Amino acid sequence: MTDRVGLAVYIHSLKQVRQLKRFGHIHYVSKKMKYVILYCDVDRSEETMKKLKSFHFVKEVAMSMRPWIKTEYESKVPNKEKKDDYKMGI
């Protein structure tokens, strides 16, 4: 399975949304905020961004950082042993 990355494409008008289909899978279109969430392959993402930025109807293209963000979190509550260490007494 190929790795995919999301691109947020901000556009001036929704008329040209159909033209974006050839660059990847359109996941979501916001009519109010005028942006499109588009998924494409990671290895072709840079050239896809360049092509999208060259269109006159595109304001901005932003890549999602989700694939590179660590999603395994540590516990906020410290271990009980560490919490009770100061109560060792004299």
N, C-alpha and C. Protein backbone atom coordinates (compact mmCIF):
# COMPACT_ATOMS: atom_id res chain seq x y z
N MET A 1 0.85 -1.18 0.00
CA MET A 1 0.00 0.00 0.00
C MET A 1 0.89 1.24 0.00
N THR A 2 0.56 2.20 -0.82
CA THR A 2 1.37 3.41 -0.93
C THR A 2 1.02 4.39 0.18
N ASP A 3 2.03 5.14 0.61
CA ASP A 3 1.79 6.17 1.62
C ASP A 3 1.16 7.38 0.96
N ARG A 4 0.20 7.96 1.64
CA ARG A 4 -0.53 9.12 1.12
C ARG A 4 -0.33 10.29 2.07
N VAL A 5 -0.49 11.48 1.53
CA VAL A 5 -0.41 12.69 2.33
C VAL A 5 -1.55 13.61 1.89
N GLY A 6 -2.07 14.36 2.86
CA GLY A 6 -3.17 15.28 2.57
C GLY A 6 -2.66 16.66 2.19
N LEU A 7 -3.30 17.26 1.22
CA LEU A 7 -2.99 18.63 0.82
C LEU A 7 -4.24 19.47 0.98
N ALA A 8 -4.08 20.62 1.61
CA ALA A 8 -5.18 21.58 1.72
C ALA A 8 -4.97 22.61 0.62
N VAL A 9 -5.91 22.68 -0.31
CA VAL A 9 -5.82 23.58 -1.45
C VAL A 9 -6.88 24.67 -1.27
N TYR A 10 -6.43 25.90 -1.02
CA TYR A 10 -7.34 27.03 -0.87
C TYR A 10 -7.56 27.66 -2.24
N ILE A 11 -8.83 27.84 -2.62
CA ILE A 11 -9.16 28.29 -3.97
C ILE A 11 -10.04 29.55 -3.92
N HIS A 12 -10.05 30.28 -5.03
CA HIS A 12 -10.88 31.49 -5.13
C HIS A 12 -12.34 31.15 -5.40
N SER A 13 -12.58 30.14 -6.24
CA SER A 13 -13.93 29.79 -6.63
C SER A 13 -14.08 28.27 -6.67
N LEU A 14 -15.27 27.80 -6.38
CA LEU A 14 -15.52 26.35 -6.37
C LEU A 14 -15.76 25.77 -7.76
N LYS A 15 -15.81 26.60 -8.78
CA LYS A 15 -16.06 26.12 -10.14
C LYS A 15 -14.98 25.16 -10.62
N GLN A 16 -13.75 25.36 -10.18
CA GLN A 16 -12.63 24.59 -10.69
C GLN A 16 -12.30 23.34 -9.88
N VAL A 17 -13.17 22.94 -8.97
CA VAL A 17 -12.90 21.77 -8.12
C VAL A 17 -12.73 20.52 -8.97
N ARG A 18 -13.50 20.42 -10.04
CA ARG A 18 -13.42 19.23 -10.90
C ARG A 18 -12.05 19.09 -11.56
N GLN A 19 -11.35 20.19 -11.78
CA GLN A 19 -10.02 20.14 -12.39
C GLN A 19 -8.99 19.53 -11.44
N LEU A 20 -9.27 19.56 -10.14
CA LEU A 20 -8.32 19.04 -9.16
C LEU A 20 -8.37 17.52 -9.05
N LYS A 21 -9.37 16.87 -9.62
CA LYS A 21 -9.52 15.42 -9.52
C LYS A 21 -8.33 14.66 -10.12
N ARG A 22 -7.67 15.24 -11.11
CA ARG A 22 -6.57 14.52 -11.76
C ARG A 22 -5.30 14.50 -10.92
N PHE A 23 -5.25 15.26 -9.83
CA PHE A 23 -4.06 15.31 -8.99
C PHE A 23 -4.13 14.36 -7.81
N GLY A 24 -5.28 13.79 -7.53
CA GLY A 24 -5.42 12.87 -6.42
C GLY A 24 -6.88 12.69 -6.05
N HIS A 25 -7.08 12.07 -4.90
CA HIS A 25 -8.43 11.77 -4.41
C HIS A 25 -8.94 12.96 -3.59
N ILE A 26 -10.06 13.53 -4.01
CA ILE A 26 -10.67 14.64 -3.27
C ILE A 26 -11.47 14.05 -2.11
N HIS A 27 -11.06 14.40 -0.90
CA HIS A 27 -11.70 13.86 0.30
C HIS A 27 -12.82 14.77 0.80
N TYR A 28 -12.60 16.09 0.75
CA TYR A 28 -13.57 17.02 1.32
C TYR A 28 -13.49 18.36 0.58
N VAL A 29 -14.64 18.98 0.39
CA VAL A 29 -14.72 20.31 -0.21
C VAL A 29 -15.54 21.20 0.73
N SER A 30 -14.94 22.29 1.19
CA SER A 30 -15.65 23.24 2.04
C SER A 30 -16.17 24.38 1.17
N LYS A 31 -17.49 24.50 1.12
CA LYS A 31 -18.09 25.55 0.30
C LYS A 31 -17.98 26.91 0.98
N LYS A 32 -18.07 26.93 2.29
CA LYS A 32 -18.02 28.19 3.02
C LYS A 32 -16.60 28.76 3.06
N MET A 33 -15.62 27.91 3.39
CA MET A 33 -14.24 28.37 3.54
C MET A 33 -13.44 28.29 2.24
N LYS A 34 -14.01 27.66 1.22
CA LYS A 34 -13.41 27.54 -0.11
C LYS A 34 -12.03 26.87 -0.07
N TYR A 35 -12.02 25.64 0.43
CA TYR A 35 -10.80 24.84 0.36
C TYR A 35 -11.16 23.39 0.05
N VAL A 36 -10.16 22.66 -0.42
CA VAL A 36 -10.32 21.26 -0.81
C VAL A 36 -9.26 20.45 -0.10
N ILE A 37 -9.65 19.32 0.50
CA ILE A 37 -8.68 18.37 1.05
C ILE A 37 -8.48 17.30 0.00
N LEU A 38 -7.23 17.17 -0.43
CA LEU A 38 -6.87 16.30 -1.54
C LEU A 38 -5.78 15.34 -1.07
N TYR A 39 -5.92 14.05 -1.33
CA TYR A 39 -4.91 13.07 -0.96
C TYR A 39 -4.14 12.63 -2.20
N CYS A 40 -2.80 12.62 -2.08
CA CYS A 40 -1.94 12.16 -3.18
C CYS A 40 -0.79 11.35 -2.59
N ASP A 41 0.00 10.71 -3.46
CA ASP A 41 1.13 9.91 -3.01
C ASP A 41 2.21 10.81 -2.42
N VAL A 42 2.92 10.31 -1.39
CA VAL A 42 3.96 11.10 -0.73
C VAL A 42 5.10 11.40 -1.68
N ASP A 43 5.50 10.41 -2.49
CA ASP A 43 6.65 10.62 -3.37
C ASP A 43 6.37 11.63 -4.49
N ARG A 44 5.12 11.88 -4.81
CA ARG A 44 4.76 12.86 -5.85
C ARG A 44 4.17 14.13 -5.27
N SER A 45 4.22 14.31 -3.97
CA SER A 45 3.54 15.45 -3.34
C SER A 45 4.19 16.79 -3.69
N GLU A 46 5.52 16.84 -3.78
CA GLU A 46 6.19 18.11 -4.08
C GLU A 46 5.85 18.60 -5.48
N GLU A 47 5.90 17.70 -6.46
CA GLU A 47 5.58 18.14 -7.83
C GLU A 47 4.10 18.46 -7.98
N THR A 48 3.24 17.77 -7.22
CA THR A 48 1.81 18.07 -7.25
C THR A 48 1.55 19.46 -6.67
N MET A 49 2.26 19.80 -5.58
CA MET A 49 2.10 21.13 -4.98
C MET A 49 2.53 22.22 -5.96
N LYS A 50 3.63 21.99 -6.68
CA LYS A 50 4.10 22.99 -7.66
C LYS A 50 3.07 23.20 -8.76
N LYS A 51 2.50 22.10 -9.26
CA LYS A 51 1.51 22.20 -10.33
C LYS A 51 0.25 22.92 -9.84
N LEU A 52 -0.17 22.60 -8.61
CA LEU A 52 -1.37 23.23 -8.07
C LEU A 52 -1.17 24.73 -7.85
N LYS A 53 0.02 25.12 -7.38
CA LYS A 53 0.29 26.54 -7.14
C LYS A 53 0.33 27.35 -8.44
N SER A 54 0.58 26.68 -9.55
CA SER A 54 0.68 27.40 -10.83
C SER A 54 -0.69 27.80 -11.38
N PHE A 55 -1.78 27.21 -10.89
CA PHE A 55 -3.11 27.57 -11.37
C PHE A 55 -3.52 28.94 -10.83
N HIS A 56 -4.24 29.70 -11.66
CA HIS A 56 -4.65 31.05 -11.27
C HIS A 56 -5.74 31.04 -10.21
N PHE A 57 -6.51 29.97 -10.10
CA PHE A 57 -7.61 29.92 -9.14
C PHE A 57 -7.18 29.40 -7.77
N VAL A 58 -5.93 29.03 -7.60
CA VAL A 58 -5.43 28.51 -6.32
C VAL A 58 -4.76 29.64 -5.54
N LYS A 59 -5.22 29.85 -4.30
CA LYS A 59 -4.62 30.85 -3.43
C LYS A 59 -3.36 30.30 -2.76
N GLU A 60 -3.51 29.11 -2.16
CA GLU A 60 -2.43 28.54 -1.35
C GLU A 60 -2.58 27.03 -1.30
N VAL A 61 -1.44 26.34 -1.15
CA VAL A 61 -1.43 24.89 -0.98
C VAL A 61 -0.61 24.59 0.26
N ALA A 62 -1.19 23.83 1.19
CA ALA A 62 -0.50 23.47 2.43
C ALA A 62 -0.53 21.95 2.59
N MET A 63 0.62 21.40 2.99
CA MET A 63 0.73 19.96 3.19
C MET A 63 0.40 19.61 4.64
N SER A 64 -0.29 18.52 4.83
CA SER A 64 -0.62 18.05 6.17
C SER A 64 0.62 17.45 6.82
N MET A 65 0.85 17.77 8.07
CA MET A 65 2.01 17.25 8.79
C MET A 65 1.67 16.00 9.60
N ARG A 66 0.48 15.49 9.46
CA ARG A 66 0.03 14.36 10.27
C ARG A 66 0.92 13.11 10.15
N PRO A 67 1.42 12.74 8.95
CA PRO A 67 2.26 11.54 8.88
C PRO A 67 3.56 11.65 9.68
N TRP A 68 4.01 12.87 9.97
CA TRP A 68 5.28 13.05 10.66
C TRP A 68 5.12 13.42 12.13
N ILE A 69 3.90 13.53 12.61
CA ILE A 69 3.65 13.85 14.01
C ILE A 69 3.58 12.56 14.81
N LYS A 70 4.24 12.56 15.97
CA LYS A 70 4.22 11.38 16.83
C LYS A 70 2.84 11.25 17.47
N THR A 71 2.22 10.09 17.30
CA THR A 71 0.87 9.88 17.84
C THR A 71 0.85 8.92 19.02
N GLU A 72 2.02 8.50 19.49
CA GLU A 72 2.09 7.65 20.68
C GLU A 72 2.45 8.56 21.85
N TYR A 73 1.53 8.69 22.77
CA TYR A 73 1.69 9.65 23.85
C TYR A 73 2.12 8.96 25.14
N GLU A 74 2.81 9.72 25.98
CA GLU A 74 3.19 9.22 27.30
C GLU A 74 2.13 9.64 28.30
N SER A 75 2.09 8.95 29.42
CA SER A 75 1.11 9.26 30.44
C SER A 75 1.48 10.56 31.15
N LYS A 76 0.49 11.40 31.43
CA LYS A 76 0.74 12.63 32.17
C LYS A 76 0.92 12.36 33.66
N VAL A 77 0.31 11.28 34.15
CA VAL A 77 0.41 10.93 35.56
C VAL A 77 1.73 10.20 35.78
N PRO A 78 2.59 10.71 36.68
CA PRO A 78 3.87 10.03 36.91
C PRO A 78 3.66 8.70 37.62
N ASN A 79 4.69 7.87 37.57
CA ASN A 79 4.61 6.58 38.26
C ASN A 79 4.39 6.79 39.75
N LYS A 80 3.68 5.88 40.40
CA LYS A 80 3.38 6.01 41.82
C LYS A 80 4.65 5.94 42.65
N GLU A 81 5.63 5.16 42.22
CA GLU A 81 6.89 5.06 42.96
C GLU A 81 7.59 6.42 43.01
N LYS A 82 7.62 7.13 41.92
CA LYS A 82 8.26 8.43 41.88
C LYS A 82 7.48 9.44 42.71
N LYS A 83 6.16 9.33 42.74
CA LYS A 83 5.33 10.26 43.47
C LYS A 83 5.54 10.11 44.98
N ASP A 84 5.75 8.89 45.46
CA ASP A 84 5.89 8.64 46.89
C ASP A 84 7.33 8.68 47.36
N ASP A 85 8.28 9.00 46.51
CA ASP A 85 9.70 8.99 46.87
C ASP A 85 10.02 9.97 47.99
N TYR A 86 9.41 11.13 47.99
CA TYR A 86 9.74 12.15 48.99
C TYR A 86 9.22 11.79 50.38
N LYS A 87 8.36 10.78 50.51
CA LYS A 87 7.79 10.40 51.80
C LYS A 87 8.59 9.30 52.49
N MET A 88 9.82 9.09 52.07
CA MET A 88 10.64 8.01 52.63
C MET A 88 10.92 8.25 54.12
N GLY A 89 11.03 9.47 54.54
CA GLY A 89 11.17 9.80 55.96
C GLY A 89 12.58 9.60 56.50
N ILE A 90 12.77 10.10 57.73
CA ILE A 90 14.07 10.00 58.39
C ILE A 90 14.04 8.88 59.40
